[in-house]
Amino acid sequence: MARIIVLGAIKGGVGKSVSTYNLAYSLKKLGKNVLVVDFDRSANITRCVVGDIKTVAVSIGDLMMNQMDEEEQPNPAECIISRNGVDFIPSSKVLSAVDTKLRLEMGAEKIWHVFWSR
């Protein structure tokens, strides 16, 4: 059975990214399959995984934008990056555009439900 763990806080600099990164690898050491989704516009976890975020072809922002525009989603191999047994869906600045678009959409809260119920 899959479990979703969310680490979040409004204030920056409290260790969300470091805690998430360390938790991911700790769970992997315990034999768990781990997928980290970086929803932070600053993309700190993504920078740890790929270094230069300009090299990211598909991010969580792109996936969300595709969902809102009812476009086809890419193959998972195009958006999931694996490092030392942990899978990551990276972040990018596209999340800012997603945030703006969600605020303008009627029923934006339903988009999140549809996106995560896939």
C-alpha atoms as a PDB file:
ATOM      1  CA  MET A   1       0.000   0.000   0.000  1.00  0.00           C
ATOM      2  CA  ALA A   2       1.315   3.439  -0.927  1.00  0.00           C
ATOM      3  CA  ARG A   3       1.682   6.166   1.653  1.00  0.00           C
ATOM      4  CA  ILE A   4       2.005   9.866   0.990  1.00  0.00           C
ATOM      5  CA  ILE A   5       4.165  11.901   3.343  1.00  0.00           C
ATOM      6  CA  VAL A   6       4.100  15.684   3.013  1.00  0.00           C
ATOM      7  CA  LEU A   7       6.739  17.906   4.572  1.00  0.00           C
ATOM      8  CA  GLY A   8       5.692  21.520   4.389  1.00  0.00           C
ATOM      9  CA  ALA A   9       5.826  24.865   6.109  1.00  0.00           C
ATOM     10  CA  ILE A  10       5.024  28.393   5.054  1.00  0.00           C
ATOM     11  CA  LYS A  11       8.291  29.808   6.350  1.00  0.00           C
ATOM     12  CA  GLY A  12      11.416  29.238   4.302  1.00  0.00           C
ATOM     13  CA  GLY A  13      14.710  28.006   5.673  1.00  0.00           C
ATOM     14  CA  VAL A  14      13.256  25.548   8.182  1.00  0.00           C
ATOM     15  CA  GLY A  15      14.753  22.414   6.624  1.00  0.00           C
ATOM     16  CA  LYS A  16      11.907  21.085   4.478  1.00  0.00           C
ATOM     17  CA  SER A  17      14.114  20.158   1.534  1.00  0.00           C
ATOM     18  CA  VAL A  18      16.931  18.672   3.613  1.00  0.00           C
ATOM     19  CA  SER A  19      14.452  16.685   5.708  1.00  0.00           C
ATOM     20  CA  THR A  20      12.667  15.406   2.605  1.00  0.00           C
ATOM     21  CA  TYR A  21      15.925  14.395   0.936  1.00  0.00           C
ATOM     22  CA  ASN A  22      17.188  12.589   4.036  1.00  0.00           C
ATOM     23  CA  LEU A  23      13.827  10.910   4.682  1.00  0.00           C
ATOM     24  CA  ALA A  24      13.715   9.659   1.089  1.00  0.00           C
ATOM     25  CA  TYR A  25      17.094   7.953   1.335  1.00  0.00           C
ATOM     26  CA  SER A  26      16.361   6.626   4.829  1.00  0.00           C
ATOM     27  CA  LEU A  27      13.151   5.019   3.580  1.00  0.00           C
ATOM     28  CA  LYS A  28      15.054   3.569   0.616  1.00  0.00           C
ATOM     29  CA  LYS A  29      17.562   2.001   3.030  1.00  0.00           C
ATOM     30  CA  LEU A  30      14.585   0.381   4.775  1.00  0.00           C
ATOM     31  CA  GLY A  31      13.632  -1.241   1.475  1.00  0.00           C
ATOM     32  CA  LYS A  32      10.822   1.118   0.526  1.00  0.00           C
ATOM     33  CA  ASN A  33      10.145   2.388  -2.990  1.00  0.00           C
ATOM     34  CA  VAL A  34      10.315   6.175  -2.848  1.00  0.00           C
ATOM     35  CA  LEU A  35       9.089   8.899  -5.192  1.00  0.00           C
ATOM     36  CA  VAL A  36       9.916  12.487  -4.199  1.00  0.00           C
ATOM     37  CA  VAL A  37       7.898  15.196  -5.929  1.00  0.00           C
ATOM     38  CA  ASP A  38       9.467  18.646  -5.613  1.00  0.00           C
ATOM     39  CA  PHE A  39       6.617  21.162  -5.350  1.00  0.00           C
ATOM     40  CA  ASP A  40       8.932  23.980  -4.246  1.00  0.00           C
ATOM     41  CA  ARG A  41       9.360  26.809  -6.771  1.00  0.00           C
ATOM     42  CA  SER A  42      12.895  27.318  -5.478  1.00  0.00           C
ATOM     43  CA  ALA A  43      13.601  23.711  -6.571  1.00  0.00           C
ATOM     44  CA  ASN A  44      16.116  22.966  -3.812  1.00  0.00           C
ATOM     45  CA  ILE A  45      15.673  19.188  -3.966  1.00  0.00           C
ATOM     46  CA  THR A  46      15.836  19.317  -7.754  1.00  0.00           C
ATOM     47  CA  ARG A  47      19.133  21.205  -7.552  1.00  0.00           C
ATOM     48  CA  CYS A  48      20.495  18.498  -5.224  1.00  0.00           C
ATOM     49  CA  VAL A  49      19.478  15.772  -7.664  1.00  0.00           C
ATOM     50  CA  VAL A  50      20.292  17.262 -11.077  1.00  0.00           C
ATOM     51  CA  GLY A  51      22.548  20.215 -10.287  1.00  0.00           C
ATOM     52  CA  ASP A  52      21.445  22.602 -13.032  1.00  0.00           C
ATOM     53  CA  ILE A  53      17.649  22.882 -13.195  1.00  0.00           C
ATOM     54  CA  LYS A  54      17.925  24.136 -16.779  1.00  0.00           C
ATOM     55  CA  THR A  55      18.651  20.527 -17.768  1.00  0.00           C
ATOM     56  CA  VAL A  56      15.224  19.351 -16.522  1.00  0.00           C
ATOM     57  CA  ALA A  57      13.087  18.446 -19.536  1.00  0.00           C
ATOM     58  CA  VAL A  58       9.768  17.796 -17.744  1.00  0.00           C
ATOM     59  CA  SER A  59       8.878  19.023 -14.255  1.00  0.00           C
ATOM     60  CA  ILE A  60       5.891  18.723 -11.947  1.00  0.00           C
ATOM     61  CA  GLY A  61       4.835  22.145 -13.226  1.00  0.00           C
ATOM     62  CA  ASP A  62       4.724  20.820 -16.785  1.00  0.00           C
ATOM     63  CA  LEU A  63       2.665  17.819 -15.694  1.00  0.00           C
ATOM     64  CA  MET A  64       0.193  20.046 -13.868  1.00  0.00           C
ATOM     65  CA  MET A  65      -0.037  22.471 -16.807  1.00  0.00           C
ATOM     66  CA  ASN A  66      -0.698  19.523 -19.158  1.00  0.00           C
ATOM     67  CA  GLN A  67      -3.474  18.341 -16.842  1.00  0.00           C
ATOM     68  CA  MET A  68      -5.126  21.780 -16.759  1.00  0.00           C
ATOM     69  CA  ASP A  69      -4.858  22.163 -20.533  1.00  0.00           C
ATOM     70  CA  GLU A  70      -6.124  18.583 -21.006  1.00  0.00           C
ATOM     71  CA  GLU A  71      -2.999  17.656 -22.945  1.00  0.00           C
ATOM     72  CA  GLU A  72      -1.448  14.226 -23.065  1.00  0.00           C
ATOM     73  CA  GLN A  73       1.005  13.456 -20.283  1.00  0.00           C
ATOM     74  CA  PRO A  74       4.525  12.342 -21.195  1.00  0.00           C
ATOM     75  CA  ASN A  75       5.845   8.861 -20.603  1.00  0.00           C
ATOM     76  CA  PRO A  76       6.916   8.527 -16.923  1.00  0.00           C
ATOM     77  CA  ALA A  77      10.484   7.855 -18.082  1.00  0.00           C
ATOM     78  CA  GLU A  78      10.577  11.441 -19.387  1.00  0.00           C
ATOM     79  CA  CYS A  79       9.688  13.046 -16.056  1.00  0.00           C
ATOM     80  CA  ILE A  80      11.084  10.732 -13.370  1.00  0.00           C
ATOM     81  CA  ILE A  81      14.765  10.994 -12.512  1.00  0.00           C
ATOM     82  CA  SER A  82      16.312   8.131 -10.527  1.00  0.00           C
ATOM     83  CA  ARG A  83      19.305   8.677  -8.256  1.00  0.00           C
ATOM     84  CA  ASN A  84      20.703   5.887  -6.085  1.00  0.00           C
ATOM     85  CA  GLY A  85      17.394   4.016  -6.056  1.00  0.00           C
ATOM     86  CA  VAL A  86      15.164   7.011  -5.237  1.00  0.00           C
ATOM     87  CA  ASP A  87      12.850   8.433  -7.914  1.00  0.00           C
ATOM     88  CA  PHE A  88      12.296  12.181  -8.251  1.00  0.00           C
ATOM     89  CA  ILE A  89       9.871  14.349 -10.185  1.00  0.00           C
ATOM     90  CA  PRO A  90      11.708  17.668 -10.384  1.00  0.00           C
ATOM     91  CA  SER A  91      10.441  21.198  -9.898  1.00  0.00           C
ATOM     92  CA  SER A  92      10.894  24.267 -12.076  1.00  0.00           C
ATOM     93  CA  LYS A  93       9.781  27.853 -12.416  1.00  0.00           C
ATOM     94  CA  VAL A  94       6.743  26.580 -14.336  1.00  0.00           C
ATOM     95  CA  LEU A  95       5.108  26.153 -10.901  1.00  0.00           C
ATOM     96  CA  SER A  96       4.692  29.941 -10.726  1.00  0.00           C
ATOM     97  CA  ALA A  97       2.665  29.851 -13.940  1.00  0.00           C
ATOM     98  CA  VAL A  98       0.636  26.923 -12.592  1.00  0.00           C
ATOM     99  CA  ASP A  99      -0.135  28.868  -9.418  1.00  0.00           C
ATOM    100  CA  THR A 100      -1.299  31.876 -11.430  1.00  0.00           C
ATOM    101  CA  LYS A 101      -3.415  29.737 -13.742  1.00  0.00           C
ATOM    102  CA  LEU A 102      -4.992  27.838 -10.832  1.00  0.00           C
ATOM    103  CA  ARG A 103      -6.063  31.109  -9.236  1.00  0.00           C
ATOM    104  CA  LEU A 104      -7.817  32.093 -12.460  1.00  0.00           C
ATOM    105  CA  GLU A 105      -9.522  28.737 -13.082  1.00  0.00           C
ATOM    106  CA  MET A 106     -12.986  28.091 -11.735  1.00  0.00           C
ATOM    107  CA  GLY A 107     -13.029  24.891  -9.748  1.00  0.00           C
ATOM    108  CA  ALA A 108      -9.241  24.874  -9.372  1.00  0.00           C
ATOM    109  CA  GLU A 109      -9.517  22.666  -6.294  1.00  0.00           C
ATOM    110  CA  LYS A 110     -10.969  19.922  -8.532  1.00  0.00           C
ATOM    111  CA  ILE A 111      -7.866  19.958 -10.739  1.00  0.00           C
ATOM    112  CA  TRP A 112      -5.745  18.843  -7.786  1.00  0.00           C
ATOM    113  CA  HIS A 113      -8.164  15.990  -7.088  1.00  0.00           C
ATOM    114  CA  VAL A 114      -8.153  14.832 -10.712  1.00  0.00           C
ATOM    115  CA  PHE A 115      -4.354  15.133 -10.934  1.00  0.00           C
ATOM    116  CA  TRP A 116      -3.690  13.030  -7.831  1.00  0.00           C
ATOM    117  CA  SER A 117      -6.424  10.450  -8.388  1.00  0.00           C
ATOM    118  CA  ARG A 118      -4.770   9.202 -11.611  1.00  0.00           C
END
